[in-house]
Amino acid sequence: MPNTFDWVEIRAKDVGQAARFYEGLFGWKVVRKEATEGSDYWIFDTGDQPRVENLRRGGICLRPDAEATGVVVYILVDDIDTVLKKATELGGEIVAPKAAEGPAFRAYFADPNGNVFGLWEETMPE
């Protein structure tokens, strides 16, 4: 379903430490580890049934000291270009333009208050 929260990404300086913290605190299960763009990326599952769509999953990814940590929520959309255009018209700004991510696309924008969100567009099989 488009325009819904789709993924939560926790950006950390120490991925292993972050994974252990959330496992210990909430009982989340780290289900697999991948390398993406040359850095660690751990997929977690919060378990049980999601309250809304698939918001029980997310990732913890490594951020070098020079990059900001924090949490990024991804929103599933039908057309990233349209959403980015509308975001800028409403006073937001593009943080990272649309880029291919495997069989999908992602982009980042900031709202007028500086909150950063990710956009995720899945491609339809031809």
Protein backbone atom coordinates (compact mmCIF):
# COMPACT_ATOMS: atom_id res chain seq x y z
CA MET A 1 0.00 0.00 0.00
CA PRO A 2 1.63 3.29 -1.07
CA ASN A 3 2.23 6.27 1.22
CA THR A 4 2.62 4.11 4.33
CA PHE A 5 5.61 3.63 6.63
CA ASP A 6 7.56 0.73 5.18
CA TRP A 7 10.92 0.41 6.95
CA VAL A 8 12.85 1.79 9.90
CA GLU A 9 16.62 2.23 9.67
CA ILE A 10 18.70 2.80 12.79
CA ARG A 11 22.03 4.43 11.89
CA ALA A 12 24.78 3.50 14.33
CA LYS A 13 28.53 3.92 14.85
CA ASP A 14 28.78 0.33 16.22
CA VAL A 15 26.28 -1.99 14.54
CA GLY A 16 27.03 -4.98 16.79
CA GLN A 17 26.56 -2.92 19.93
CA ALA A 18 23.29 -1.48 18.61
CA ALA A 19 22.02 -4.96 17.68
CA ARG A 20 22.83 -6.31 21.16
CA PHE A 21 21.18 -3.28 22.78
CA TYR A 22 17.87 -3.68 20.92
CA GLU A 23 17.89 -7.47 21.30
CA GLY A 24 18.40 -7.06 25.05
CA LEU A 25 15.96 -4.19 25.48
CA PHE A 26 13.06 -5.35 23.30
CA GLY A 27 13.88 -8.97 22.42
CA TRP A 28 14.23 -8.14 18.72
CA LYS A 29 15.81 -10.89 16.64
CA VAL A 30 18.62 -10.10 14.22
CA VAL A 31 17.70 -12.40 11.36
CA ARG A 32 20.60 -11.87 8.95
CA LYS A 33 23.61 -9.73 8.21
CA GLU A 34 24.37 -8.20 4.82
CA ALA A 35 27.00 -5.90 3.42
CA THR A 36 25.64 -2.99 1.42
CA GLU A 37 27.67 -0.18 -0.09
CA GLY A 38 30.71 -1.55 1.72
CA SER A 39 29.29 -1.28 5.24
CA ASP A 40 27.61 -3.60 7.72
CA TYR A 41 23.82 -3.77 7.61
CA TRP A 42 21.92 -6.02 10.03
CA ILE A 43 18.28 -6.85 9.42
CA PHE A 44 16.09 -7.13 12.50
CA ASP A 45 12.59 -8.45 13.10
CA THR A 46 10.60 -7.20 16.06
CA GLY A 47 8.52 -10.39 15.98
CA ASP A 48 4.84 -11.21 16.33
CA GLN A 49 2.30 -9.64 14.00
CA PRO A 50 2.89 -6.08 12.81
CA ARG A 51 0.42 -3.46 13.99
CA VAL A 52 0.44 -1.76 10.59
CA GLU A 53 1.62 -3.36 7.35
CA ASN A 54 5.22 -4.60 7.73
CA LEU A 55 6.49 -2.17 10.36
CA ARG A 56 7.99 -5.02 12.35
CA ARG A 57 11.19 -5.06 10.32
CA GLY A 58 14.06 -2.72 9.81
CA GLY A 59 17.81 -2.48 9.68
CA ILE A 60 20.76 -1.26 11.70
CA CYS A 61 23.48 0.16 9.49
CA LEU A 62 26.99 1.41 10.11
CA ARG A 63 27.69 5.11 9.78
CA PRO A 64 31.26 6.43 9.79
CA ASP A 65 32.18 9.07 12.37
CA ALA A 66 31.72 11.86 9.81
CA GLU A 67 28.09 10.87 9.09
CA ALA A 68 25.05 11.49 11.25
CA THR A 69 23.44 8.76 13.29
CA GLY A 70 19.75 8.63 14.07
CA VAL A 71 16.63 6.92 12.80
CA VAL A 72 15.24 7.13 9.27
CA VAL A 73 11.70 6.01 8.50
CA TYR A 74 11.06 4.91 4.92
CA ILE A 75 7.75 5.55 3.19
CA LEU A 76 6.62 3.29 0.37
CA VAL A 77 5.48 5.40 -2.62
CA ASP A 78 4.33 4.75 -6.17
CA ASP A 79 6.55 7.42 -7.77
CA ILE A 80 9.56 8.95 -6.00
CA ASP A 81 9.98 11.73 -8.57
CA THR A 82 6.42 12.98 -8.00
CA VAL A 83 6.81 12.88 -4.22
CA LEU A 84 10.17 14.72 -4.29
CA LYS A 85 8.70 17.42 -6.53
CA LYS A 86 5.73 17.89 -4.20
CA ALA A 87 7.98 17.87 -1.11
CA THR A 88 10.06 20.76 -2.51
CA GLU A 89 6.89 22.65 -3.50
CA LEU A 90 5.72 22.37 0.11
CA GLY A 91 8.98 23.71 1.54
CA GLY A 92 11.01 20.52 1.97
CA GLU A 93 14.33 19.77 0.33
CA ILE A 94 15.89 16.81 -1.42
CA VAL A 95 18.68 15.29 0.67
CA ALA A 96 19.57 12.50 -1.80
CA PRO A 97 17.98 12.09 -5.24
CA LYS A 98 16.36 8.96 -6.59
CA ALA A 99 18.87 6.12 -6.94
CA ALA A 100 18.61 2.46 -7.86
CA GLU A 101 18.70 -0.04 -4.98
CA GLY A 102 18.62 -3.53 -6.47
CA PRO A 103 15.25 -3.93 -8.18
CA ALA A 104 13.85 -0.81 -6.46
CA PHE A 105 14.65 2.88 -5.94
CA ARG A 106 15.24 5.05 -2.89
CA ALA A 107 15.64 8.75 -2.15
CA TYR A 108 15.76 11.01 0.90
CA PHE A 109 14.08 14.32 1.65
CA ALA A 110 13.88 16.67 4.62
CA ASP A 111 10.67 18.31 5.74
CA PRO A 112 10.67 22.07 6.47
CA ASN A 113 11.82 21.32 10.05
CA GLY A 114 14.81 19.26 8.92
CA ASN A 115 13.39 15.80 9.68
CA VAL A 116 14.80 13.33 7.14
CA PHE A 117 12.67 10.57 5.60
CA GLY A 118 13.50 7.88 3.11
CA LEU A 119 11.33 7.10 0.10
CA TRP A 120 11.09 3.59 -1.34
CA GLU A 121 9.68 2.76 -4.79
CA GLU A 122 9.37 -0.84 -5.83
CA THR A 123 9.56 -1.64 -9.51
CA MET A 124 6.91 -3.76 -11.11
CA PRO A 125 8.07 -6.89 -12.97
CA GLU A 126 7.73 -6.53 -16.72
